[in-house]
Amino acid sequence: MERIKTKAAILLVLLLLLAGGFMVINDIELKDVPTAIGQTLSQEKEEYTVKTYKITKIEGNEYHGTAANGTKIIFNGDKLKQDLSDVKKGDKIKAYFSKSNRIDGLLKVVKVNE
């Protein structure tokens, strides 16, 4: 019985090495392998335009941010109807905009953990 387990383990390791070698030879990245998570992420990219900003000022429920390219954003936490109490000055956020409605199209804000 022990020999069967050993042979099965060796076969599994060889199959994994073969699959890894195939991916390297054909220049396939792990992100290209379709998975449920990968499909969800790709669908999310299609529905939203995502921009990253650094929060520069907070006045009440109004948040001010600046992107690396100098683009500025001002949004109101009340209008988003989400809890932004953990977002502080200096934090980085991802802002999700509707692709179909760029003006007033901010849908959600997510704090980026560094």
N, C-alpha and C. Protein backbone atom coordinates (compact mmCIF):
# COMPACT_ATOMS: atom_id res chain seq x y z
N MET A 1 0.83 -1.19 0.00
CA MET A 1 0.00 0.00 0.00
C MET A 1 0.87 1.26 0.00
N GLU A 2 1.99 1.20 0.71
CA GLU A 2 2.90 2.34 0.79
C GLU A 2 3.51 2.66 -0.57
N ARG A 3 3.78 1.63 -1.36
CA ARG A 3 4.37 1.82 -2.70
C ARG A 3 3.38 2.54 -3.62
N ILE A 4 2.12 2.24 -3.48
CA ILE A 4 1.10 2.87 -4.33
C ILE A 4 1.02 4.37 -4.01
N LYS A 5 1.04 4.71 -2.73
CA LYS A 5 1.01 6.12 -2.33
C LYS A 5 2.24 6.86 -2.84
N THR A 6 3.39 6.22 -2.73
CA THR A 6 4.63 6.84 -3.21
C THR A 6 4.59 7.04 -4.71
N LYS A 7 4.15 6.04 -5.45
CA LYS A 7 4.05 6.15 -6.90
C LYS A 7 3.05 7.23 -7.31
N ALA A 8 1.93 7.32 -6.60
CA ALA A 8 0.93 8.33 -6.90
C ALA A 8 1.49 9.73 -6.64
N ALA A 9 2.24 9.89 -5.55
CA ALA A 9 2.84 11.18 -5.23
C ALA A 9 3.86 11.59 -6.28
N ILE A 10 4.69 10.64 -6.71
CA ILE A 10 5.68 10.91 -7.74
C ILE A 10 5.00 11.27 -9.06
N LEU A 11 3.96 10.55 -9.41
CA LEU A 11 3.21 10.84 -10.64
C LEU A 11 2.60 12.24 -10.59
N LEU A 12 2.05 12.62 -9.45
CA LEU A 12 1.46 13.94 -9.29
C LEU A 12 2.52 15.04 -9.45
N VAL A 13 3.67 14.85 -8.84
CA VAL A 13 4.76 15.83 -8.96
C VAL A 13 5.21 15.93 -10.41
N LEU A 14 5.34 14.82 -11.10
CA LEU A 14 5.75 14.84 -12.51
C LEU A 14 4.72 15.54 -13.38
N LEU A 15 3.45 15.32 -13.12
CA LEU A 15 2.39 15.99 -13.88
C LEU A 15 2.42 17.50 -13.65
N LEU A 16 2.64 17.92 -12.41
CA LEU A 16 2.74 19.34 -12.12
C LEU A 16 3.95 19.97 -12.80
N LEU A 17 5.07 19.28 -12.80
CA LEU A 17 6.26 19.77 -13.49
C LEU A 17 6.02 19.87 -15.00
N LEU A 18 5.35 18.88 -15.55
CA LEU A 18 5.03 18.88 -16.97
C LEU A 18 4.11 20.04 -17.32
N ALA A 19 3.10 20.28 -16.50
CA ALA A 19 2.17 21.39 -16.74
C ALA A 19 2.91 22.72 -16.61
N GLY A 20 3.76 22.85 -15.62
CA GLY A 20 4.54 24.08 -15.45
C GLY A 20 5.47 24.31 -16.62
N GLY A 21 6.13 23.25 -17.09
CA GLY A 21 7.01 23.36 -18.26
C GLY A 21 6.24 23.77 -19.50
N PHE A 22 5.06 23.22 -19.68
CA PHE A 22 4.22 23.58 -20.82
C PHE A 22 3.87 25.06 -20.78
N MET A 23 3.53 25.54 -19.57
CA MET A 23 3.17 26.95 -19.44
C MET A 23 4.36 27.87 -19.73
N VAL A 24 5.55 27.46 -19.30
CA VAL A 24 6.75 28.27 -19.54
C VAL A 24 7.09 28.28 -21.02
N ILE A 25 7.06 27.12 -21.66
CA ILE A 25 7.41 27.02 -23.08
C ILE A 25 6.45 27.82 -23.93
N ASN A 26 5.17 27.79 -23.61
CA ASN A 26 4.16 28.49 -24.41
C ASN A 26 3.86 29.89 -23.90
N ASP A 27 4.66 30.37 -22.94
CA ASP A 27 4.53 31.72 -22.40
C ASP A 27 3.10 32.00 -21.91
N ILE A 28 2.56 31.08 -21.14
CA ILE A 28 1.23 31.23 -20.56
C ILE A 28 1.41 31.65 -19.11
N GLU A 29 0.75 32.76 -18.74
CA GLU A 29 0.81 33.21 -17.35
C GLU A 29 -0.38 32.65 -16.60
N LEU A 30 -0.23 32.56 -15.30
CA LEU A 30 -1.29 32.00 -14.46
C LEU A 30 -2.55 32.83 -14.56
N LYS A 31 -2.42 34.16 -14.77
CA LYS A 31 -3.60 35.00 -14.88
C LYS A 31 -4.40 34.70 -16.14
N ASP A 32 -3.77 34.06 -17.14
CA ASP A 32 -4.46 33.72 -18.37
C ASP A 32 -5.30 32.46 -18.25
N VAL A 33 -5.07 31.69 -17.20
CA VAL A 33 -5.82 30.45 -16.99
C VAL A 33 -7.21 30.82 -16.50
N PRO A 34 -8.26 30.39 -17.20
CA PRO A 34 -9.61 30.78 -16.81
C PRO A 34 -10.02 30.13 -15.48
N THR A 35 -10.50 30.95 -14.59
CA THR A 35 -11.04 30.48 -13.31
C THR A 35 -12.27 31.31 -13.00
N ALA A 36 -13.01 30.88 -12.03
CA ALA A 36 -14.19 31.65 -11.63
C ALA A 36 -13.77 33.03 -11.13
N ILE A 37 -12.68 33.10 -10.38
CA ILE A 37 -12.21 34.40 -9.88
C ILE A 37 -11.72 35.25 -11.05
N GLY A 38 -10.97 34.66 -11.95
CA GLY A 38 -10.47 35.40 -13.11
C GLY A 38 -11.59 35.95 -13.97
N GLN A 39 -12.64 35.17 -14.14
CA GLN A 39 -13.77 35.63 -14.94
C GLN A 39 -14.50 36.76 -14.23
N THR A 40 -14.61 36.69 -12.91
CA THR A 40 -15.25 37.77 -12.16
C THR A 40 -14.44 39.04 -12.28
N LEU A 41 -13.12 38.94 -12.16
CA LEU A 41 -12.27 40.13 -12.27
C LEU A 41 -12.34 40.72 -13.66
N SER A 42 -12.35 39.88 -14.69
CA SER A 42 -12.40 40.42 -16.04
C SER A 42 -13.76 41.07 -16.30
N GLN A 43 -14.83 40.52 -15.76
CA GLN A 43 -16.14 41.14 -15.91
C GLN A 43 -16.17 42.48 -15.19
N GLU A 44 -15.52 42.55 -14.03
CA GLU A 44 -15.48 43.79 -13.27
C GLU A 44 -14.75 44.87 -14.05
N LYS A 45 -13.68 44.51 -14.73
CA LYS A 45 -12.93 45.47 -15.53
C LYS A 45 -13.77 46.00 -16.68
N GLU A 46 -14.63 45.17 -17.23
CA GLU A 46 -15.46 45.59 -18.35
C GLU A 46 -16.56 46.55 -17.91
N GLU A 47 -17.07 46.40 -16.70
CA GLU A 47 -18.18 47.21 -16.22
C GLU A 47 -17.73 48.55 -15.66
N TYR A 48 -16.51 48.64 -15.19
CA TYR A 48 -16.04 49.83 -14.51
C TYR A 48 -14.78 50.40 -15.16
N THR A 49 -14.60 51.70 -14.96
CA THR A 49 -13.31 52.34 -15.17
C THR A 49 -12.77 52.57 -13.77
N VAL A 50 -11.57 52.07 -13.49
CA VAL A 50 -11.02 52.14 -12.14
C VAL A 50 -9.82 53.09 -12.15
N LYS A 51 -9.83 54.04 -11.24
CA LYS A 51 -8.74 54.99 -11.07
C LYS A 51 -8.27 54.95 -9.63
N THR A 52 -6.97 55.16 -9.42
CA THR A 52 -6.40 55.17 -8.08
C THR A 52 -6.07 56.61 -7.68
N TYR A 53 -6.46 56.97 -6.47
CA TYR A 53 -6.23 58.32 -5.95
C TYR A 53 -5.66 58.24 -4.54
N LYS A 54 -4.96 59.29 -4.14
CA LYS A 54 -4.50 59.44 -2.76
C LYS A 54 -5.35 60.54 -2.13
N ILE A 55 -5.95 60.23 -0.98
CA ILE A 55 -6.81 61.20 -0.30
C ILE A 55 -5.92 62.32 0.25
N THR A 56 -6.24 63.56 -0.13
CA THR A 56 -5.44 64.72 0.28
C THR A 56 -6.13 65.56 1.35
N LYS A 57 -7.46 65.50 1.40
CA LYS A 57 -8.19 66.33 2.37
C LYS A 57 -9.56 65.70 2.62
N ILE A 58 -10.02 65.79 3.86
CA ILE A 58 -11.35 65.33 4.22
C ILE A 58 -12.05 66.46 4.98
N GLU A 59 -13.19 66.87 4.47
CA GLU A 59 -14.00 67.91 5.13
C GLU A 59 -15.40 67.34 5.35
N GLY A 60 -15.66 66.91 6.56
CA GLY A 60 -16.95 66.29 6.85
C GLY A 60 -17.08 64.99 6.07
N ASN A 61 -18.07 64.93 5.19
CA ASN A 61 -18.25 63.75 4.33
C ASN A 61 -17.72 63.96 2.93
N GLU A 62 -16.98 65.06 2.73
CA GLU A 62 -16.43 65.35 1.41
C GLU A 62 -14.96 64.96 1.37
N TYR A 63 -14.61 64.12 0.42
CA TYR A 63 -13.25 63.59 0.30
C TYR A 63 -12.60 64.16 -0.96
N HIS A 64 -11.37 64.64 -0.82
CA HIS A 64 -10.59 65.17 -1.93
C HIS A 64 -9.42 64.22 -2.18
N GLY A 65 -9.15 63.94 -3.45
CA GLY A 65 -8.04 63.07 -3.77
C GLY A 65 -7.33 63.51 -5.03
N THR A 66 -6.09 63.02 -5.19
CA THR A 66 -5.29 63.33 -6.37
C THR A 66 -4.67 62.04 -6.88
N ALA A 67 -4.72 61.87 -8.21
CA ALA A 67 -4.09 60.70 -8.84
C ALA A 67 -2.62 61.02 -9.10
N ALA A 68 -1.86 60.00 -9.47
CA ALA A 68 -0.43 60.17 -9.74
C ALA A 68 -0.20 61.13 -10.91
N ASN A 69 -1.14 61.18 -11.85
CA ASN A 69 -1.00 62.06 -13.02
C ASN A 69 -1.52 63.47 -12.76
N GLY A 70 -1.97 63.76 -11.53
CA GLY A 70 -2.44 65.09 -11.17
C GLY A 70 -3.95 65.27 -11.26
N THR A 71 -4.66 64.28 -11.79
CA THR A 71 -6.12 64.35 -11.86
C THR A 71 -6.69 64.40 -10.45
N LYS A 72 -7.67 65.27 -10.24
CA LYS A 72 -8.26 65.42 -8.91
C LYS A 72 -9.68 64.86 -8.89
N ILE A 73 -10.10 64.46 -7.69
CA ILE A 73 -11.46 63.96 -7.50
C ILE A 73 -11.98 64.52 -6.19
N ILE A 74 -13.25 64.84 -6.18
CA ILE A 74 -13.96 65.23 -4.95
C ILE A 74 -15.25 64.42 -4.95
N PHE A 75 -15.50 63.72 -3.85
CA PHE A 75 -16.73 62.95 -3.77
C PHE A 75 -17.30 63.03 -2.36
N ASN A 76 -18.59 62.80 -2.26
CA ASN A 76 -19.30 62.88 -1.01
C ASN A 76 -19.63 61.46 -0.54
N GLY A 77 -19.21 61.12 0.66
CA GLY A 77 -19.45 59.79 1.20
C GLY A 77 -20.92 59.48 1.36
N ASP A 78 -21.75 60.49 1.64
CA ASP A 78 -23.19 60.28 1.81
C ASP A 78 -23.84 59.82 0.51
N LYS A 79 -23.42 60.39 -0.61
CA LYS A 79 -24.02 60.04 -1.89
C LYS A 79 -23.69 58.60 -2.29
N LEU A 80 -22.53 58.11 -1.88
CA LEU A 80 -22.14 56.75 -2.21
C LEU A 80 -22.86 55.71 -1.36
N LYS A 81 -23.40 56.14 -0.25
CA LYS A 81 -24.12 55.24 0.67
C LYS A 81 -23.26 54.05 1.08
N GLN A 82 -22.01 54.35 1.42
CA GLN A 82 -21.14 53.31 1.94
C GLN A 82 -20.32 53.90 3.09
N ASP A 83 -19.88 53.03 3.99
CA ASP A 83 -19.12 53.47 5.16
C ASP A 83 -17.68 53.73 4.75
N LEU A 84 -17.25 54.97 4.86
CA LEU A 84 -15.88 55.35 4.52
C LEU A 84 -15.11 55.80 5.76
N SER A 85 -15.56 55.36 6.93
CA SER A 85 -14.94 55.80 8.18
C SER A 85 -13.48 55.33 8.30
N ASP A 86 -13.11 54.27 7.60
CA ASP A 86 -11.73 53.79 7.69
C ASP A 86 -10.80 54.52 6.71
N VAL A 87 -11.34 55.38 5.84
CA VAL A 87 -10.52 56.13 4.88
C VAL A 87 -10.03 57.40 5.56
N LYS A 88 -8.71 57.57 5.61
CA LYS A 88 -8.08 58.71 6.26
C LYS A 88 -7.23 59.47 5.24
N LYS A 89 -6.83 60.68 5.62
CA LYS A 89 -5.96 61.50 4.78
C LYS A 89 -4.65 60.73 4.56
N GLY A 90 -4.21 60.68 3.30
CA GLY A 90 -2.99 59.96 2.95
C GLY A 90 -3.23 58.55 2.44
N ASP A 91 -4.44 58.02 2.65
CA ASP A 91 -4.77 56.67 2.17
C ASP A 91 -4.92 56.66 0.66
N LYS A 92 -4.63 55.51 0.06
CA LYS A 92 -4.89 55.32 -1.36
C LYS A 92 -6.23 54.61 -1.52
N ILE A 93 -6.97 55.04 -2.52
CA ILE A 93 -8.27 54.43 -2.80
C ILE A 93 -8.38 54.09 -4.27
N LYS A 94 -9.25 53.15 -4.57
CA LYS A 94 -9.63 52.87 -5.96
C LYS A 94 -11.05 53.37 -6.13
N ALA A 95 -11.24 54.20 -7.14
CA ALA A 95 -12.56 54.75 -7.44
C ALA A 95 -13.11 54.02 -8.66
N TYR A 96 -14.29 53.46 -8.53
CA TYR A 96 -14.94 52.71 -9.61
C TYR A 96 -16.00 53.60 -10.26
N PHE A 97 -15.80 53.88 -11.55
CA PHE A 97 -16.72 54.71 -12.31
C PHE A 97 -17.49 53.85 -13.30
N SER A 98 -18.72 54.22 -13.55
CA SER A 98 -19.51 53.56 -14.57
C SER A 98 -18.94 53.92 -15.93
N LYS A 99 -18.74 52.92 -16.79
CA LYS A 99 -18.23 53.20 -18.14
C LYS A 99 -19.26 53.94 -18.97
N SER A 100 -20.53 53.70 -18.69
CA SER A 100 -21.57 54.31 -19.51
C SER A 100 -21.90 55.74 -19.07
N ASN A 101 -21.59 56.09 -17.82
CA ASN A 101 -21.96 57.41 -17.31
C ASN A 101 -20.76 58.02 -16.59
N ARG A 102 -19.90 58.72 -17.31
CA ARG A 102 -18.69 59.28 -16.72
C ARG A 102 -18.98 60.45 -15.78
N ILE A 103 -19.99 61.27 -16.08
CA ILE A 103 -20.34 62.39 -15.21
C ILE A 103 -21.27 61.85 -14.14
N ASP A 104 -20.94 62.08 -12.90
CA ASP A 104 -21.68 61.53 -11.76
C ASP A 104 -21.73 60.00 -11.83
N GLY A 105 -20.71 59.41 -12.40
CA GLY A 105 -20.69 57.97 -12.57
C GLY A 105 -19.91 57.23 -11.51
N LEU A 106 -19.48 57.91 -10.43
CA LEU A 106 -18.76 57.23 -9.36
C LEU A 106 -19.70 56.27 -8.65
N LEU A 107 -19.33 55.00 -8.66
CA LEU A 107 -20.19 53.97 -8.09
C LEU A 107 -19.76 53.53 -6.70
N LYS A 108 -18.44 53.36 -6.53
CA LYS A 108 -17.96 52.91 -5.23
C LYS A 108 -16.50 53.29 -5.05
N VAL A 109 -16.06 53.29 -3.81
CA VAL A 109 -14.69 53.60 -3.46
C VAL A 109 -14.19 52.48 -2.55
N VAL A 110 -12.98 51.99 -2.83
CA VAL A 110 -12.40 50.92 -2.04
C VAL A 110 -11.01 51.36 -1.58
N LYS A 111 -10.76 51.24 -0.29
CA LYS A 111 -9.44 51.59 0.26
C LYS A 111 -8.44 50.55 -0.19
N VAL A 112 -7.26 51.00 -0.61
CA VAL A 112 -6.20 50.11 -1.06
C VAL A 112 -5.26 49.88 0.11
N ASN A 113 -5.09 48.63 0.51
CA ASN A 113 -4.15 48.30 1.59
C ASN A 113 -2.78 48.10 0.99
N GLU A 114 -1.83 48.83 1.51
CA GLU A 114 -0.46 48.74 0.96
C GLU A 114 0.37 47.78 1.76
